[in-house]
């Protein structure tokens, strides 16, 4: 059996991290949780991540800044971007920087799972 992908969830809301983690673990994914973009960037396990799901609005480095940093450091690392404040310019910027999906909170589990499958298959 092949190794299940490792997904990093980067969100400053603990309830979101917990909820997404439970859903994705139930689907067989391995999960790493980070309370901020800076915590993710400082992590030693970053190299083993197959996909990043990040919120946009966070203190410190926000999700779009994280996306830009990772685009330079790990250009092949797929990212999904989510926000509770969907603004057309945020969506445009996230997609222009290579986000595989842009999701507006709240979203359905199937929407997220579809985006993950799409992102992991290229």
N, C-alpha and C. Protein backbone atom coordinates (compact mmCIF):
# COMPACT_ATOMS: atom_id res chain seq x y z
N UNK A 1 0.84 -1.19 0.00
CA UNK A 1 0.00 0.00 0.00
C UNK A 1 0.88 1.25 0.00
N UNK A 2 0.56 2.22 -0.82
CA UNK A 2 1.35 3.44 -0.89
C UNK A 2 1.05 4.34 0.30
N UNK A 3 2.01 5.18 0.62
CA UNK A 3 1.88 6.11 1.73
C UNK A 3 0.81 7.16 1.42
N UNK A 4 -0.05 7.39 2.38
CA UNK A 4 -1.07 8.44 2.22
C UNK A 4 -0.39 9.81 2.29
N UNK A 5 -0.86 10.76 1.51
CA UNK A 5 -0.28 12.10 1.53
C UNK A 5 -0.36 12.76 2.91
N UNK A 6 0.62 13.60 3.16
CA UNK A 6 0.68 14.38 4.40
C UNK A 6 0.19 15.79 4.07
N UNK A 7 -0.85 16.22 4.79
CA UNK A 7 -1.46 17.53 4.56
C UNK A 7 -1.22 18.42 5.77
N UNK A 8 -0.72 19.62 5.50
CA UNK A 8 -0.54 20.62 6.56
C UNK A 8 -1.77 21.53 6.56
N UNK A 9 -2.33 21.72 7.74
CA UNK A 9 -3.44 22.66 7.92
C UNK A 9 -2.89 23.85 8.70
N UNK A 10 -2.92 25.03 8.07
CA UNK A 10 -2.38 26.24 8.68
C UNK A 10 -3.54 27.21 8.89
N UNK A 11 -3.95 27.36 10.15
CA UNK A 11 -5.08 28.23 10.48
C UNK A 11 -4.97 28.62 11.94
N UNK A 12 -5.21 29.89 12.24
CA UNK A 12 -5.11 30.35 13.63
C UNK A 12 -6.34 30.02 14.46
N UNK A 13 -7.36 29.46 13.85
CA UNK A 13 -8.58 29.06 14.55
C UNK A 13 -8.49 27.58 14.91
N UNK A 14 -8.36 27.30 16.20
CA UNK A 14 -8.21 25.92 16.66
C UNK A 14 -9.37 25.02 16.27
N UNK A 15 -10.58 25.56 16.28
CA UNK A 15 -11.75 24.76 15.93
C UNK A 15 -11.70 24.35 14.46
N UNK A 16 -11.25 25.23 13.60
CA UNK A 16 -11.11 24.90 12.17
C UNK A 16 -10.04 23.82 12.00
N UNK A 17 -8.89 24.01 12.65
CA UNK A 17 -7.82 22.99 12.55
C UNK A 17 -8.33 21.63 13.00
N UNK A 18 -9.01 21.59 14.13
CA UNK A 18 -9.51 20.33 14.67
C UNK A 18 -10.54 19.70 13.75
N UNK A 19 -11.48 20.49 13.26
CA UNK A 19 -12.53 19.97 12.38
C UNK A 19 -11.97 19.43 11.08
N UNK A 20 -11.08 20.19 10.45
CA UNK A 20 -10.48 19.72 9.20
C UNK A 20 -9.63 18.49 9.43
N UNK A 21 -8.90 18.48 10.54
CA UNK A 21 -8.06 17.34 10.86
C UNK A 21 -8.89 16.07 11.02
N UNK A 22 -10.00 16.16 11.73
CA UNK A 22 -10.87 14.99 11.92
C UNK A 22 -11.41 14.48 10.59
N UNK A 23 -11.88 15.39 9.76
CA UNK A 23 -12.40 15.01 8.46
C UNK A 23 -11.34 14.32 7.61
N UNK A 24 -10.18 14.93 7.52
CA UNK A 24 -9.14 14.40 6.63
C UNK A 24 -8.53 13.11 7.15
N UNK A 25 -8.40 12.99 8.46
CA UNK A 25 -7.92 11.72 9.03
C UNK A 25 -8.91 10.60 8.75
N UNK A 26 -10.20 10.92 8.78
CA UNK A 26 -11.21 9.90 8.50
C UNK A 26 -11.14 9.43 7.05
N UNK A 27 -10.53 10.24 6.20
CA UNK A 27 -10.32 9.88 4.79
C UNK A 27 -8.98 9.19 4.58
N UNK A 28 -8.20 9.04 5.65
CA UNK A 28 -6.92 8.34 5.57
C UNK A 28 -5.70 9.21 5.41
N UNK A 29 -5.87 10.51 5.34
CA UNK A 29 -4.72 11.40 5.18
C UNK A 29 -3.96 11.54 6.49
N UNK A 30 -2.66 11.77 6.37
CA UNK A 30 -1.84 12.12 7.52
C UNK A 30 -1.89 13.65 7.65
N UNK A 31 -2.00 14.15 8.86
CA UNK A 31 -2.23 15.58 9.08
C UNK A 31 -1.16 16.17 10.00
N UNK A 32 -0.74 17.37 9.68
CA UNK A 32 0.12 18.17 10.55
C UNK A 32 -0.60 19.50 10.74
N UNK A 33 -0.70 19.94 11.99
CA UNK A 33 -1.44 21.16 12.32
C UNK A 33 -0.48 22.28 12.71
N UNK A 34 -0.78 23.49 12.22
CA UNK A 34 0.03 24.67 12.53
C UNK A 34 -0.90 25.83 12.83
N UNK A 35 -0.62 26.53 13.93
CA UNK A 35 -1.49 27.63 14.37
C UNK A 35 -1.15 28.95 13.66
N UNK A 36 -0.09 28.95 12.87
CA UNK A 36 0.27 30.16 12.12
C UNK A 36 1.16 29.79 10.94
N UNK A 37 1.23 30.72 10.00
CA UNK A 37 2.13 30.53 8.86
C UNK A 37 3.58 30.49 9.35
N UNK A 38 3.89 31.33 10.33
CA UNK A 38 5.26 31.36 10.85
C UNK A 38 5.63 30.03 11.50
N UNK A 39 4.69 29.42 12.23
CA UNK A 39 4.96 28.11 12.84
C UNK A 39 5.23 27.06 11.75
N UNK A 40 4.48 27.13 10.66
CA UNK A 40 4.71 26.20 9.56
C UNK A 40 6.09 26.44 8.94
N UNK A 41 6.42 27.69 8.67
CA UNK A 41 7.70 28.01 8.04
C UNK A 41 8.89 27.62 8.93
N UNK A 42 8.70 27.66 10.25
CA UNK A 42 9.76 27.30 11.19
C UNK A 42 9.84 25.80 11.45
N UNK A 43 8.89 25.04 10.93
CA UNK A 43 8.81 23.61 11.23
C UNK A 43 9.87 22.80 10.50
N UNK A 44 10.40 21.83 11.19
CA UNK A 44 11.38 20.93 10.57
C UNK A 44 10.71 19.88 9.69
N UNK A 45 9.41 19.67 9.84
CA UNK A 45 8.72 18.65 9.05
C UNK A 45 8.16 19.20 7.74
N UNK A 46 8.45 20.46 7.42
CA UNK A 46 7.90 21.09 6.23
C UNK A 46 8.25 20.32 4.95
N UNK A 47 9.43 19.74 4.90
CA UNK A 47 9.87 19.04 3.69
C UNK A 47 9.02 17.79 3.40
N UNK A 48 8.38 17.22 4.42
CA UNK A 48 7.59 16.02 4.23
C UNK A 48 6.13 16.27 3.91
N UNK A 49 5.76 17.52 3.69
CA UNK A 49 4.36 17.89 3.43
C UNK A 49 4.06 17.75 1.94
N UNK A 50 2.91 17.15 1.63
CA UNK A 50 2.50 16.98 0.24
C UNK A 50 1.49 18.03 -0.23
N UNK A 51 0.82 18.69 0.71
CA UNK A 51 -0.21 19.67 0.38
C UNK A 51 -0.40 20.59 1.58
N UNK A 52 -0.62 21.88 1.31
CA UNK A 52 -0.89 22.85 2.37
C UNK A 52 -2.28 23.42 2.17
N UNK A 53 -3.06 23.42 3.25
CA UNK A 53 -4.34 24.11 3.28
C UNK A 53 -4.15 25.27 4.25
N UNK A 54 -4.34 26.49 3.76
CA UNK A 54 -4.11 27.65 4.63
C UNK A 54 -5.27 28.63 4.59
N UNK A 55 -5.49 29.25 5.73
CA UNK A 55 -6.42 30.37 5.82
C UNK A 55 -5.68 31.61 5.33
N UNK A 56 -6.41 32.61 4.89
CA UNK A 56 -5.77 33.86 4.46
C UNK A 56 -5.55 34.77 5.66
N UNK A 57 -6.60 35.04 6.43
CA UNK A 57 -6.51 36.01 7.52
C UNK A 57 -5.93 35.36 8.77
N UNK A 58 -4.66 35.68 9.03
CA UNK A 58 -3.99 35.23 10.25
C UNK A 58 -3.06 36.34 10.71
N UNK A 59 -2.80 36.40 12.01
CA UNK A 59 -1.83 37.36 12.53
C UNK A 59 -0.45 36.98 12.03
N UNK A 60 0.42 37.95 11.95
CA UNK A 60 1.77 37.69 11.44
C UNK A 60 1.71 37.49 9.93
N UNK A 61 2.40 36.48 9.47
CA UNK A 61 2.40 36.16 8.05
C UNK A 61 1.03 35.61 7.68
N UNK A 62 0.36 36.24 6.70
CA UNK A 62 -0.96 35.75 6.33
C UNK A 62 -0.84 34.64 5.28
N UNK A 63 -1.96 34.05 4.93
CA UNK A 63 -1.96 32.91 4.02
C UNK A 63 -1.46 33.23 2.62
N UNK A 64 -1.76 34.43 2.12
CA UNK A 64 -1.26 34.79 0.79
C UNK A 64 0.24 35.04 0.81
N UNK A 65 0.74 35.62 1.91
CA UNK A 65 2.18 35.79 2.05
C UNK A 65 2.87 34.43 2.17
N UNK A 66 2.26 33.52 2.91
CA UNK A 66 2.80 32.16 3.02
C UNK A 66 2.86 31.52 1.64
N UNK A 67 1.82 31.69 0.87
CA UNK A 67 1.78 31.14 -0.48
C UNK A 67 2.94 31.70 -1.32
N UNK A 68 3.17 32.98 -1.22
CA UNK A 68 4.25 33.61 -1.99
C UNK A 68 5.62 33.09 -1.55
N UNK A 69 5.82 32.95 -0.25
CA UNK A 69 7.08 32.43 0.28
C UNK A 69 7.31 31.00 -0.21
N UNK A 70 6.27 30.17 -0.12
CA UNK A 70 6.41 28.77 -0.52
C UNK A 70 6.58 28.63 -2.03
N UNK A 71 6.03 29.54 -2.78
CA UNK A 71 6.20 29.53 -4.24
C UNK A 71 7.68 29.63 -4.59
N UNK A 72 8.43 30.40 -3.80
CA UNK A 72 9.88 30.53 -4.00
C UNK A 72 10.65 29.35 -3.43
N UNK A 73 10.27 28.91 -2.23
CA UNK A 73 11.03 27.85 -1.53
C UNK A 73 10.67 26.44 -1.97
N UNK A 74 9.40 26.19 -2.22
CA UNK A 74 8.93 24.85 -2.60
C UNK A 74 7.89 25.01 -3.71
N UNK A 75 8.36 25.36 -4.92
CA UNK A 75 7.44 25.72 -5.99
C UNK A 75 6.47 24.62 -6.42
N UNK A 76 6.77 23.37 -6.14
CA UNK A 76 5.89 22.28 -6.55
C UNK A 76 4.92 21.85 -5.46
N UNK A 77 4.93 22.53 -4.33
CA UNK A 77 4.04 22.19 -3.22
C UNK A 77 2.65 22.76 -3.47
N UNK A 78 1.65 21.91 -3.68
CA UNK A 78 0.30 22.43 -3.94
C UNK A 78 -0.31 23.06 -2.69
N UNK A 79 -1.11 24.11 -2.94
CA UNK A 79 -1.77 24.82 -1.84
C UNK A 79 -3.24 25.02 -2.15
N UNK A 80 -4.03 24.91 -1.10
CA UNK A 80 -5.45 25.28 -1.13
C UNK A 80 -5.59 26.47 -0.18
N UNK A 81 -6.33 27.47 -0.61
CA UNK A 81 -6.49 28.69 0.18
C UNK A 81 -7.96 28.83 0.57
N UNK A 82 -8.19 29.18 1.83
CA UNK A 82 -9.56 29.35 2.30
C UNK A 82 -9.68 30.65 3.07
N UNK A 83 -10.90 31.19 3.07
CA UNK A 83 -11.16 32.43 3.79
C UNK A 83 -12.63 32.55 4.14
N UNK A 84 -12.89 33.25 5.22
CA UNK A 84 -14.27 33.58 5.60
C UNK A 84 -14.66 34.93 5.02
N UNK A 85 -13.71 35.61 4.39
CA UNK A 85 -13.93 36.94 3.84
C UNK A 85 -13.62 36.95 2.35
N UNK A 86 -14.49 36.33 1.55
CA UNK A 86 -14.19 36.21 0.12
C UNK A 86 -14.29 37.55 -0.61
N UNK A 87 -13.17 38.02 -1.06
CA UNK A 87 -13.12 39.25 -1.84
C UNK A 87 -12.50 38.89 -3.19
N UNK A 88 -13.04 39.44 -4.27
CA UNK A 88 -12.54 39.08 -5.60
C UNK A 88 -11.03 39.26 -5.76
N UNK A 89 -10.46 40.31 -5.15
CA UNK A 89 -9.02 40.51 -5.30
C UNK A 89 -8.21 39.44 -4.57
N UNK A 90 -8.72 38.93 -3.44
CA UNK A 90 -8.03 37.85 -2.73
C UNK A 90 -8.05 36.58 -3.57
N UNK A 91 -9.20 36.27 -4.12
CA UNK A 91 -9.34 35.09 -4.98
C UNK A 91 -8.39 35.18 -6.18
N UNK A 92 -8.40 36.34 -6.84
CA UNK A 92 -7.54 36.52 -8.00
C UNK A 92 -6.07 36.37 -7.65
N UNK A 93 -5.67 36.97 -6.55
CA UNK A 93 -4.26 36.90 -6.13
C UNK A 93 -3.87 35.46 -5.78
N UNK A 94 -4.71 34.77 -5.03
CA UNK A 94 -4.41 33.39 -4.63
C UNK A 94 -4.26 32.49 -5.86
N UNK A 95 -5.18 32.61 -6.79
CA UNK A 95 -5.14 31.76 -7.98
C UNK A 95 -3.97 32.15 -8.89
N UNK A 96 -3.67 33.44 -8.98
CA UNK A 96 -2.53 33.88 -9.79
C UNK A 96 -1.21 33.37 -9.23
N UNK A 97 -1.15 33.21 -7.90
CA UNK A 97 0.06 32.70 -7.26
C UNK A 97 0.11 31.17 -7.27
N UNK A 98 -0.87 30.54 -7.88
CA UNK A 98 -0.80 29.09 -8.04
C UNK A 98 -1.66 28.25 -7.13
N UNK A 99 -2.55 28.86 -6.34
CA UNK A 99 -3.44 28.06 -5.49
C UNK A 99 -4.25 27.12 -6.37
N UNK A 100 -4.38 25.86 -5.94
CA UNK A 100 -5.14 24.89 -6.71
C UNK A 100 -6.64 25.08 -6.52
N UNK A 101 -7.03 25.60 -5.34
CA UNK A 101 -8.44 25.89 -5.04
C UNK A 101 -8.50 27.09 -4.12
N UNK A 102 -9.59 27.83 -4.24
CA UNK A 102 -9.89 28.94 -3.35
C UNK A 102 -11.27 28.65 -2.79
N UNK A 103 -11.34 28.41 -1.49
CA UNK A 103 -12.60 28.02 -0.86
C UNK A 103 -13.07 29.10 0.11
N UNK A 104 -14.37 29.33 0.10
CA UNK A 104 -14.98 30.28 1.02
C UNK A 104 -15.60 29.53 2.18
N UNK A 105 -15.21 29.92 3.40
CA UNK A 105 -15.80 29.32 4.60
C UNK A 105 -17.19 29.88 4.79
N UNK A 106 -18.13 29.09 5.20
CA UNK A 106 -18.03 27.64 5.38
C UNK A 106 -18.16 26.95 4.02
N UNK A 107 -17.57 25.78 3.93
CA UNK A 107 -17.65 25.00 2.70
C UNK A 107 -18.03 23.57 3.06
N UNK A 108 -18.51 22.86 2.08
CA UNK A 108 -18.93 21.47 2.28
C UNK A 108 -17.70 20.55 2.26
N UNK A 109 -17.78 19.47 3.01
CA UNK A 109 -16.68 18.51 3.06
C UNK A 109 -16.33 18.00 1.67
N UNK A 110 -17.33 17.72 0.86
CA UNK A 110 -17.07 17.19 -0.49
C UNK A 110 -16.34 18.19 -1.37
N UNK A 111 -16.60 19.48 -1.18
CA UNK A 111 -15.86 20.51 -1.94
C UNK A 111 -14.38 20.44 -1.59
N UNK A 112 -14.10 20.38 -0.28
CA UNK A 112 -12.71 20.30 0.17
C UNK A 112 -12.04 19.03 -0.34
N UNK A 113 -12.71 17.90 -0.18
CA UNK A 113 -12.11 16.62 -0.60
C UNK A 113 -11.86 16.61 -2.11
N UNK A 114 -12.76 17.19 -2.88
CA UNK A 114 -12.56 17.29 -4.32
C UNK A 114 -11.36 18.14 -4.66
N UNK A 115 -11.20 19.25 -3.96
CA UNK A 115 -10.04 20.12 -4.18
C UNK A 115 -8.73 19.41 -3.82
N UNK A 116 -8.75 18.65 -2.73
CA UNK A 116 -7.56 17.91 -2.32
C UNK A 116 -7.20 16.88 -3.38
N UNK A 117 -8.16 16.11 -3.84
CA UNK A 117 -7.88 15.10 -4.87
C UNK A 117 -7.31 15.76 -6.11
N UNK A 118 -7.90 16.86 -6.52
CA UNK A 118 -7.45 17.59 -7.71
C UNK A 118 -6.02 18.09 -7.52
N UNK A 119 -5.74 18.66 -6.37
CA UNK A 119 -4.41 19.23 -6.09
C UNK A 119 -3.33 18.14 -6.04
N UNK A 120 -3.67 17.01 -5.48
CA UNK A 120 -2.67 15.94 -5.32
C UNK A 120 -2.40 15.17 -6.60
N UNK A 121 -3.31 15.25 -7.55
CA UNK A 121 -3.10 14.54 -8.81
C UNK A 121 -2.52 15.45 -9.89
N UNK A 122 -2.30 16.69 -9.55
CA UNK A 122 -1.66 17.58 -10.50
C UNK A 122 -2.61 18.48 -11.15
